[in-house]
Structure formats: structure tokens, C-alpha cells
Amino acid sequence: MAEAHSAVAFSFQITHEGWDVNLDREVLHLVWQSGIRSWKKKVARFGNSIHNGVYPGHYRYLCLLIGIATAVHFNGYNVPLNLTNRLLHLLPGSSLLWQMAACILTSLFYWLTAIYMLRYILKLLLMYKGWMYESRARGSQVSLKTKIWFSLLKIFSGWNTPKLYSYQGSLPRLPLPSLQDTMERYLRSVKPLLPEEKYQRMEKLAEEFQNGIGKKLQWYLVLKSWWATNYVSDWWEEYVYLRGRSALMINSNFYGIDALFMHHTKNQAARAASSIYSVLVFRRLIERQELEPIRIQGVVPLCSWQYERTFNTTRIPGIETDKICHWSDSNHIIVYHKGRYFKVIIYKGRILKPCELQV
């Protein structure tokens, strides 16, 4: 009970002498810092969501459009589609204030239209895969088609500096290959591994599958590909990853080390603290979306959703299938030492420095 009382920030008692109110300022300060940190993260996420939602557009282009629409309207000209005057008929007045409001709404409409057009053009450009199959050998020539595609992609994606998840709305869906193409690729992959007799038997089995249940399964994939951006990711996670019963330590877990060839100190606690601090700085970059997305040759973006559950995530074991739990925030880590687990606080208003973590 003593530990429970020490964790209470506010206590209230009524005695024969009157009221007795006790405040633990240290606990209240920690609660205040936690609240401030939570609100800072919410504000940052809200700003990042807006930035990603309007990418590749930018707010400065909206301000520019407002200035142009206002100048055009007050000089007696009409914007395309005469949208400003049409909006004025719908607004409750025609004073200077309402005219400015109509100009702002007109600019907002054109700005959002341009953003969605740019995102759709980006998605169409990213569907081109011919550049992947061209030779990279010395002296080889890149085709004119790929050069034009590369230039257009660089132009349409260079309007604004992307954040970590800025390209997510512009990435194309995972293409679904035909059943015949899948069977042909499968047979090509197993042919070097099987003797002739077994390969002929495999050809017959592939033909039976293609003409039988394969058509039904392919139709299920087609239906899913219509409403899912990736028709295989959630099924892969559920049936291959979470239902896998093999040992996690050697098959799924990842690890990191502080250095391969150079150790600044032989103190294990100091090296562990430095590694933890570096990882926490990287986590902060992900949370603030200050990392730029990975882009092949600096142009072709890759999906960034794999960063979402890098931290604050654990896999809870089950009998037949496990489940993944993800928290939006965490201010501690777990340290395993000599058969015991320790909870180590890593955030007190800021990320603790390596020397503080070491102590």
C-alpha cells in the first residue's frame, strides 16, 4: 500500500481537524510533461496529415491562387468557368467581405482540383515498369521512352519536399498477374530443380489447377484487388507470418549492434545507452515524418508503411495464431539482463541522453 500511496499525485482526507490536501508536485510535473508531449505529437501528426493530403501541392500555391483570383475578380475579369460570380449568387451578400470569400473558395477549388490531377498523373507514371528491365551495363543506352518517363516523374514530383508518407496516396495498386502468367512463372522456377519425370508431372498438376480450382481462387483475388491497394499484404501477415509456428528468435526477430570494427569503450552499459539513444532519435524522425521516403535513383518512391510499426509494437503469442499490438506512444523500454526484465524510462520531457540512460 505504501507504493500505491507514493504513486498518487493528489490525496484528499477529512479529519477532526479539518480538510487535508496533499499534492505530489513531482508526479504532477510528470503528468503535465506527458500531457504536453502527447498534445505536441497530436499537433505534429495533424500538420503532417494535411501536408501529406495535399502533396504534391503546397500551401504557398494556394496563397498565390488567392492573390491571382482576387486580382482578376476586382479588375472586372472572369476566372475560368466564371466560378467566382456563381459563388456570389449562392452567398448571402455581395459586400467586399463576401467577394473575398468567393475568391478564396474559388482558389481552393482550383487548388484541390490541381492537386488531385497531379496525384493521378503521378499514379499513372508510377505504373510504368519498363525502366526496371533495361540494361544497366556500362555503355548501354536508356530508351527514349524511359528518359521521357523519368523527366516527367521528376517534374511532377518536384513541386514540394515530400515527407515520409507523402507518396502513399500516389502509389499504384499492386498489379494482379493472370492465372496463366502465374503458372508459367511457377513452372519456370521449378524446372531447374526437378528431374524430367517430376517436372512433367508438375506440368500436369499445374494444368489441372489452372483449369480447376485455380479459376475460382483467381476470381477471389480479382475481387479483392478492386478494393484493396495490396491484395496480398494482410493475408500474408495473417496466414504466413502470424500463424507461423516456427521459432521467432532465429526466423523473425531482428537485432542491431553498435559497431563492427570500432568500439569507443568496453563498458557494455555505455555502449548499450549509445545504441538506445540512436534508436530513439531515429524513432523521433519517424514520428515527426522528417525522414524522406526511399526513392530509387532519387525519383521512384517506395511504400513507407513499413515504418509505421517499427516501434511501440509487439507480437502477442496465441495457440493457433498470434496478434500484433501497436501503441501510439511509449516512454519506456524493456531491458533483459541475467534472466530478469527491467523497465527503463527513456523520456522525461525529452529523450534522455546516453549518460543518463547509462546511470
Protein backbone atom coordinates (compact mmCIF):
# COMPACT_ATOMS: atom_id res chain seq x y z
CA MET A 1 0.00 0.00 0.00
CA ALA A 2 2.91 2.33 0.62
CA GLU A 3 3.95 2.03 -3.03
CA ALA A 4 0.38 2.75 -4.13
CA HIS A 5 0.18 5.88 -1.96
CA SER A 6 3.51 7.14 -3.28
CA ALA A 7 2.20 6.91 -6.84
CA VAL A 8 -0.83 9.13 -6.14
CA ALA A 9 -0.36 12.75 -7.15
CA PHE A 10 -3.38 14.07 -5.25
CA SER A 11 -4.92 12.89 -1.98
CA PHE A 12 -7.82 14.32 -0.01
CA GLN A 13 -8.70 13.50 3.59
CA ILE A 14 -11.21 14.79 6.13
CA THR A 15 -10.05 14.65 9.73
CA HIS A 16 -11.37 16.00 13.02
CA GLU A 17 -9.07 18.99 12.48
CA GLY A 18 -10.49 19.80 9.03
CA TRP A 19 -9.52 19.10 5.44
CA ASP A 20 -6.13 17.72 4.50
CA VAL A 21 -5.00 18.03 0.86
CA ASN A 22 -1.66 16.59 -0.26
CA LEU A 23 -0.10 17.29 -3.65
CA ASP A 24 2.89 15.45 -5.05
CA ARG A 25 4.47 18.10 -7.25
CA GLU A 26 6.92 15.70 -8.86
CA VAL A 27 4.17 13.35 -10.02
CA LEU A 28 2.03 16.27 -11.20
CA HIS A 29 5.02 17.60 -13.13
CA LEU A 30 5.47 14.23 -14.85
CA VAL A 31 1.76 14.13 -15.70
CA TRP A 32 1.99 17.67 -17.09
CA GLN A 33 5.02 16.79 -19.22
CA SER A 34 3.29 13.67 -20.51
CA GLY A 35 0.22 15.71 -21.49
CA ILE A 36 2.31 18.37 -23.24
CA ARG A 37 4.23 15.71 -25.15
CA SER A 38 1.00 13.99 -26.18
CA TRP A 39 -0.50 17.23 -27.50
CA LYS A 40 2.69 18.14 -29.34
CA LYS A 41 2.61 14.79 -31.10
CA LYS A 42 -1.08 15.20 -31.97
CA VAL A 43 -0.48 18.66 -33.44
CA ALA A 44 2.54 17.40 -35.40
CA ARG A 45 0.56 14.43 -36.75
CA PHE A 46 -2.31 16.72 -37.75
CA GLY A 47 0.08 19.01 -39.62
CA ASN A 48 1.77 16.06 -41.31
CA SER A 49 -1.61 14.61 -42.31
CA ILE A 50 -2.54 17.88 -44.02
CA HIS A 51 0.87 18.08 -45.71
CA ASN A 52 0.56 14.51 -46.99
CA GLY A 53 -3.05 15.01 -48.02
CA VAL A 54 -2.22 17.92 -50.34
CA TYR A 55 1.08 16.55 -51.67
CA PRO A 56 2.49 17.29 -54.28
CA GLY A 57 0.77 20.64 -53.75
CA HIS A 58 1.82 23.26 -51.23
CA TYR A 59 0.11 25.99 -49.24
CA ARG A 60 2.10 28.71 -50.98
CA TYR A 61 0.43 27.80 -54.28
CA LEU A 62 -2.96 28.28 -52.61
CA CYS A 63 -1.90 31.76 -51.46
CA LEU A 64 -0.71 32.52 -54.99
CA LEU A 65 -4.03 31.39 -56.46
CA ILE A 66 -5.97 33.51 -53.95
CA GLY A 67 -3.95 36.55 -54.99
CA ILE A 68 -4.50 35.87 -58.70
CA ALA A 69 -8.24 35.16 -58.32
CA THR A 70 -8.72 38.31 -56.22
CA ALA A 71 -6.82 40.48 -58.71
CA VAL A 72 -8.74 39.04 -61.67
CA HIS A 73 -12.12 39.48 -59.98
CA PHE A 74 -11.63 43.06 -58.79
CA ASN A 75 -10.26 44.10 -62.18
CA GLY A 76 -13.54 43.13 -63.80
CA TYR A 77 -12.45 39.88 -65.43
CA ASN A 78 -13.90 36.41 -65.04
CA VAL A 79 -11.98 33.38 -63.85
CA PRO A 80 -12.44 30.08 -65.76
CA LEU A 81 -16.00 28.75 -65.50
CA ASN A 82 -17.00 32.13 -64.03
CA LEU A 83 -16.85 30.36 -60.67
CA THR A 84 -16.44 33.47 -58.51
CA ASN A 85 -19.65 35.10 -59.75
CA ARG A 86 -21.53 31.82 -59.44
CA LEU A 87 -20.45 31.51 -55.83
CA LEU A 88 -21.53 35.10 -55.13
CA HIS A 89 -25.08 34.18 -56.14
CA LEU A 90 -25.03 31.42 -53.51
CA LEU A 91 -23.56 33.56 -50.73
CA PRO A 92 -25.86 35.70 -48.53
CA GLY A 93 -24.36 39.02 -49.67
CA SER A 94 -22.19 40.80 -52.23
CA SER A 95 -20.16 43.08 -49.98
CA LEU A 96 -16.38 43.28 -50.13
CA LEU A 97 -16.08 40.60 -47.45
CA TRP A 98 -18.30 38.14 -49.34
CA GLN A 99 -16.46 38.85 -52.59
CA MET A 100 -13.18 37.98 -50.85
CA ALA A 101 -14.78 34.80 -49.53
CA ALA A 102 -15.88 33.87 -53.06
CA CYS A 103 -12.34 34.43 -54.35
CA ILE A 104 -10.90 32.24 -51.58
CA LEU A 105 -13.40 29.43 -52.27
CA THR A 106 -12.67 29.66 -56.00
CA SER A 107 -8.94 29.42 -55.38
CA LEU A 108 -9.46 26.49 -53.02
CA PHE A 109 -11.48 24.64 -55.65
CA TYR A 110 -8.85 25.11 -58.37
CA TRP A 111 -6.05 24.25 -55.93
CA LEU A 112 -7.64 20.95 -54.83
CA THR A 113 -8.50 20.08 -58.43
CA ALA A 114 -4.89 20.62 -59.48
CA ILE A 115 -3.65 18.51 -56.55
CA TYR A 116 -5.86 15.55 -57.42
CA MET A 117 -4.87 15.81 -61.08
CA LEU A 118 -1.17 15.82 -60.15
CA ARG A 119 -1.63 12.82 -57.85
CA TYR A 120 -3.47 10.90 -60.54
CA ILE A 121 -0.75 11.73 -63.08
CA LEU A 122 1.89 10.55 -60.59
CA LYS A 123 0.00 7.29 -60.09
CA LEU A 124 -0.18 6.74 -63.85
CA LEU A 125 3.53 7.46 -64.25
CA LEU A 126 4.46 5.09 -61.43
CA MET A 127 2.60 2.27 -63.17
CA TYR A 128 5.32 2.18 -65.82
CA LYS A 129 7.75 -0.67 -65.07
CA GLY A 130 9.78 -0.75 -68.28
CA TRP A 131 12.73 1.03 -66.65
CA MET A 132 13.29 -1.97 -64.36
CA TYR A 133 14.15 -4.30 -67.24
CA GLU A 134 16.58 -2.06 -69.12
CA SER A 135 20.27 -2.86 -69.01
CA ARG A 136 22.49 -1.04 -66.50
CA ALA A 137 25.73 -2.28 -68.05
CA ARG A 138 28.44 0.17 -68.97
CA GLY A 139 27.89 1.58 -72.44
CA SER A 140 24.21 0.58 -72.59
CA GLN A 141 21.69 3.17 -73.73
CA VAL A 142 18.49 4.06 -71.93
CA SER A 143 15.45 4.05 -74.20
CA LEU A 144 13.82 7.34 -75.19
CA LYS A 145 10.56 6.21 -73.58
CA THR A 146 12.27 5.75 -70.21
CA LYS A 147 14.07 9.09 -70.50
CA ILE A 148 10.78 10.90 -71.12
CA TRP A 149 9.11 9.00 -68.27
CA PHE A 150 11.98 9.81 -65.91
CA SER A 151 11.82 13.53 -66.76
CA LEU A 152 8.03 13.71 -66.33
CA LEU A 153 8.18 11.88 -63.00
CA LYS A 154 10.86 14.24 -61.74
CA ILE A 155 8.82 17.28 -62.82
CA PHE A 156 5.51 16.18 -61.29
CA SER A 157 7.07 15.01 -58.01
CA GLY A 158 9.33 18.02 -57.55
CA TRP A 159 6.69 20.59 -56.60
CA ASN A 160 7.20 20.07 -52.88
CA THR A 161 9.59 18.32 -50.49
CA PRO A 162 7.96 15.00 -49.55
CA LYS A 163 7.58 13.73 -46.01
CA LEU A 164 7.75 10.08 -45.04
CA TYR A 165 4.17 9.22 -46.08
CA SER A 166 3.61 11.87 -48.77
CA TYR A 167 3.67 9.41 -51.68
CA GLN A 168 1.24 6.91 -50.17
CA GLY A 169 -1.77 8.41 -51.94
CA SER A 170 0.03 8.41 -55.29
CA LEU A 171 1.38 4.85 -55.30
CA PRO A 172 -0.38 2.49 -57.73
CA ARG A 173 -2.12 -0.68 -56.62
CA LEU A 174 -0.19 -3.93 -56.61
CA PRO A 175 -0.87 -5.41 -60.08
CA LEU A 176 -2.53 -8.81 -60.13
CA PRO A 177 -0.96 -11.20 -62.67
CA SER A 178 -3.17 -13.50 -64.68
CA LEU A 179 -3.53 -17.14 -63.66
CA GLN A 180 -1.76 -18.33 -66.81
CA ASP A 181 1.16 -15.99 -66.19
CA THR A 182 1.43 -17.21 -62.59
CA MET A 183 1.53 -20.85 -63.70
CA GLU A 184 4.15 -20.15 -66.37
CA ARG A 185 6.38 -18.36 -63.86
CA TYR A 186 5.97 -21.16 -61.35
CA LEU A 187 6.94 -23.84 -63.87
CA ARG A 188 9.98 -21.82 -64.97
CA SER A 189 11.09 -21.50 -61.34
CA VAL A 190 10.86 -25.24 -60.54
CA LYS A 191 12.23 -26.59 -63.83
CA PRO A 192 15.94 -26.34 -62.82
CA LEU A 193 15.14 -28.11 -59.53
CA LEU A 194 13.20 -31.15 -60.78
CA PRO A 195 14.18 -34.12 -62.93
CA GLU A 196 12.32 -34.52 -66.22
CA GLU A 197 9.77 -37.06 -64.93
CA LYS A 198 8.80 -34.99 -61.91
CA TYR A 199 8.69 -31.83 -64.00
CA GLN A 200 6.24 -33.43 -66.45
CA ARG A 201 4.07 -34.46 -63.52
CA MET A 202 4.25 -30.90 -62.18
CA GLU A 203 3.11 -29.60 -65.58
CA LYS A 204 0.03 -31.83 -65.41
CA LEU A 205 -0.75 -30.69 -61.86
CA ALA A 206 -0.36 -27.04 -62.89
CA GLU A 207 -2.72 -27.58 -65.83
CA GLU A 208 -5.30 -29.25 -63.57
CA PHE A 209 -5.04 -26.38 -61.09
CA GLN A 210 -5.36 -23.77 -63.84
CA ASN A 211 -8.46 -25.41 -65.32
CA GLY A 212 -9.99 -26.27 -61.94
CA ILE A 213 -9.98 -24.51 -58.58
CA GLY A 214 -7.39 -22.00 -59.78
CA LYS A 215 -10.05 -20.06 -61.70
CA LYS A 216 -12.17 -19.69 -58.57
CA LEU A 217 -9.22 -18.57 -56.45
CA GLN A 218 -8.13 -16.12 -59.14
CA TRP A 219 -11.60 -14.58 -59.14
CA TYR A 220 -11.36 -14.05 -55.37
CA LEU A 221 -8.07 -12.21 -55.89
CA VAL A 222 -9.61 -10.07 -58.64
CA LEU A 223 -12.46 -9.06 -56.34
CA LYS A 224 -10.07 -8.16 -53.54
CA SER A 225 -7.75 -6.21 -55.84
CA TRP A 226 -10.66 -3.90 -56.69
CA TRP A 227 -10.97 -2.54 -53.14
CA ALA A 228 -7.54 -3.22 -51.60
CA THR A 229 -4.37 -1.38 -52.60
CA ASN A 230 -2.42 -4.56 -51.92
CA TYR A 231 -4.33 -7.80 -52.38
CA VAL A 232 -1.77 -9.96 -50.56
CA SER A 233 -0.29 -8.00 -47.61
CA ASP A 234 -2.98 -8.63 -44.96
CA TRP A 235 -3.37 -12.30 -45.92
CA TRP A 236 0.40 -12.75 -45.86
CA GLU A 237 0.59 -11.20 -42.40
CA GLU A 238 -2.27 -13.30 -41.06
CA TYR A 239 -1.70 -16.74 -42.62
CA VAL A 240 2.06 -16.81 -43.21
CA TYR A 241 3.52 -14.55 -40.53
CA LEU A 242 1.18 -14.63 -37.51
CA ARG A 243 0.13 -18.26 -37.94
CA GLY A 244 3.67 -19.48 -38.44
CA ARG A 245 4.65 -21.77 -35.56
CA SER A 246 8.41 -21.76 -36.20
CA ALA A 247 10.77 -20.23 -33.65
CA LEU A 248 10.77 -16.43 -33.75
CA MET A 249 14.24 -15.92 -32.32
CA ILE A 250 16.04 -17.25 -35.39
CA ASN A 251 13.36 -16.72 -38.06
CA SER A 252 11.62 -13.38 -37.45
CA ASN A 253 13.42 -11.27 -34.84
CA PHE A 254 15.82 -8.57 -35.93
CA TYR A 255 18.70 -7.12 -33.99
CA GLY A 256 21.31 -4.39 -34.19
CA ILE A 257 24.84 -3.85 -32.95
CA ASP A 258 26.65 -0.62 -32.17
CA ALA A 259 29.78 -1.17 -34.27
CA LEU A 260 31.54 -3.88 -36.23
CA PHE A 261 35.18 -2.85 -36.25
CA MET A 262 35.42 0.03 -33.78
CA HIS A 263 34.48 0.22 -30.09
CA HIS A 264 34.90 3.58 -28.37
CA THR A 265 34.53 1.96 -24.97
CA LYS A 266 34.47 -1.51 -23.45
CA ASN A 267 31.77 -0.50 -20.96
CA GLN A 268 28.72 -2.51 -22.01
CA ALA A 269 26.27 -0.14 -20.29
CA ALA A 270 27.75 2.87 -22.14
CA ARG A 271 27.60 1.10 -25.49
CA ALA A 272 24.02 -0.03 -24.87
CA ALA A 273 22.99 3.51 -23.84
CA SER A 274 24.52 4.99 -27.00
CA SER A 275 22.73 2.44 -29.18
CA ILE A 276 19.41 3.06 -27.42
CA TYR A 277 19.78 6.83 -27.81
CA SER A 278 20.49 6.48 -31.55
CA VAL A 279 17.43 4.25 -31.98
CA LEU A 280 15.24 6.74 -30.09
CA VAL A 281 16.44 9.60 -32.30
CA PHE A 282 15.50 7.50 -35.32
CA ARG A 283 12.07 6.84 -33.78
CA ARG A 284 11.57 10.58 -33.35
CA LEU A 285 12.38 11.13 -37.03
CA ILE A 286 9.70 8.58 -37.96
CA GLU A 287 7.11 10.08 -35.62
CA ARG A 288 7.71 13.58 -36.98
CA GLN A 289 7.91 12.23 -40.55
CA GLU A 290 11.20 14.05 -41.02
CA LEU A 291 12.62 11.08 -42.92
CA GLU A 292 12.26 11.35 -46.66
CA PRO A 293 10.76 8.29 -48.37
CA ILE A 294 13.15 5.88 -50.04
CA ARG A 295 13.31 6.66 -53.75
CA ILE A 296 15.06 4.50 -56.33
CA GLN A 297 17.54 6.63 -58.27
CA GLY A 298 16.20 9.56 -56.25
CA VAL A 299 12.89 9.56 -58.16
CA VAL A 300 10.81 6.35 -57.89
CA PRO A 301 9.28 6.19 -54.37
CA LEU A 302 8.81 3.01 -52.37
CA CYS A 303 5.97 2.35 -49.93
CA SER A 304 6.73 3.75 -46.45
CA TRP A 305 4.07 1.99 -44.38
CA GLN A 306 6.67 -0.47 -43.07
CA TYR A 307 7.90 2.33 -40.79
CA GLU A 308 4.52 2.62 -39.07
CA ARG A 309 5.02 -0.36 -36.75
CA THR A 310 8.79 -0.29 -36.36
CA PHE A 311 8.43 0.92 -32.75
CA ASN A 312 5.80 0.63 -29.99
CA THR A 313 4.74 -2.71 -31.44
CA THR A 314 4.77 -6.24 -30.08
CA ARG A 315 3.61 -9.66 -31.19
CA ILE A 316 1.43 -11.43 -28.62
CA PRO A 317 1.55 -15.23 -28.96
CA GLY A 318 -1.56 -17.35 -29.29
CA ILE A 319 -2.32 -21.04 -29.63
CA GLU A 320 -3.15 -21.10 -33.35
CA THR A 321 -2.38 -17.54 -34.37
CA ASP A 322 -0.61 -14.56 -32.83
CA LYS A 323 -1.73 -10.94 -32.91
CA ILE A 324 0.10 -7.65 -33.31
CA CYS A 325 -0.49 -4.83 -30.82
CA HIS A 326 0.64 -1.31 -31.64
CA TRP A 327 0.63 1.70 -29.32
CA SER A 328 0.72 5.30 -30.47
CA ASP A 329 3.36 6.20 -27.89
CA SER A 330 5.70 4.71 -25.30
CA ASN A 331 8.12 6.27 -22.82
CA HIS A 332 10.00 3.18 -21.67
CA ILE A 333 11.97 0.22 -22.98
CA ILE A 334 12.45 -3.30 -21.64
CA VAL A 335 15.97 -4.48 -20.81
CA TYR A 336 16.71 -8.17 -20.35
CA HIS A 337 19.69 -8.90 -18.10
CA LYS A 338 20.72 -12.17 -16.43
CA GLY A 339 17.28 -13.74 -16.66
CA ARG A 340 15.39 -10.67 -15.42
CA TYR A 341 13.37 -7.98 -17.20
CA PHE A 342 13.70 -4.30 -16.30
CA LYS A 343 11.51 -1.35 -17.27
CA VAL A 344 13.73 1.62 -18.14
CA ILE A 345 12.24 5.11 -18.60
CA ILE A 346 13.71 6.80 -21.67
CA TYR A 347 11.72 10.04 -21.80
CA LYS A 348 11.33 12.82 -19.21
CA GLY A 349 10.21 15.87 -21.14
CA ARG A 350 12.89 14.96 -23.70
CA ILE A 351 14.84 11.92 -24.78
CA LEU A 352 17.32 11.01 -22.08
CA LYS A 353 20.95 11.38 -23.10
CA PRO A 354 23.27 8.34 -23.24
CA CYS A 355 24.95 9.28 -19.97
CA GLU A 356 21.54 9.48 -18.25
CA LEU A 357 20.45 6.15 -19.71
CA GLN A 358 23.69 4.55 -18.60
CA VAL A 359 23.15 5.61 -14.98
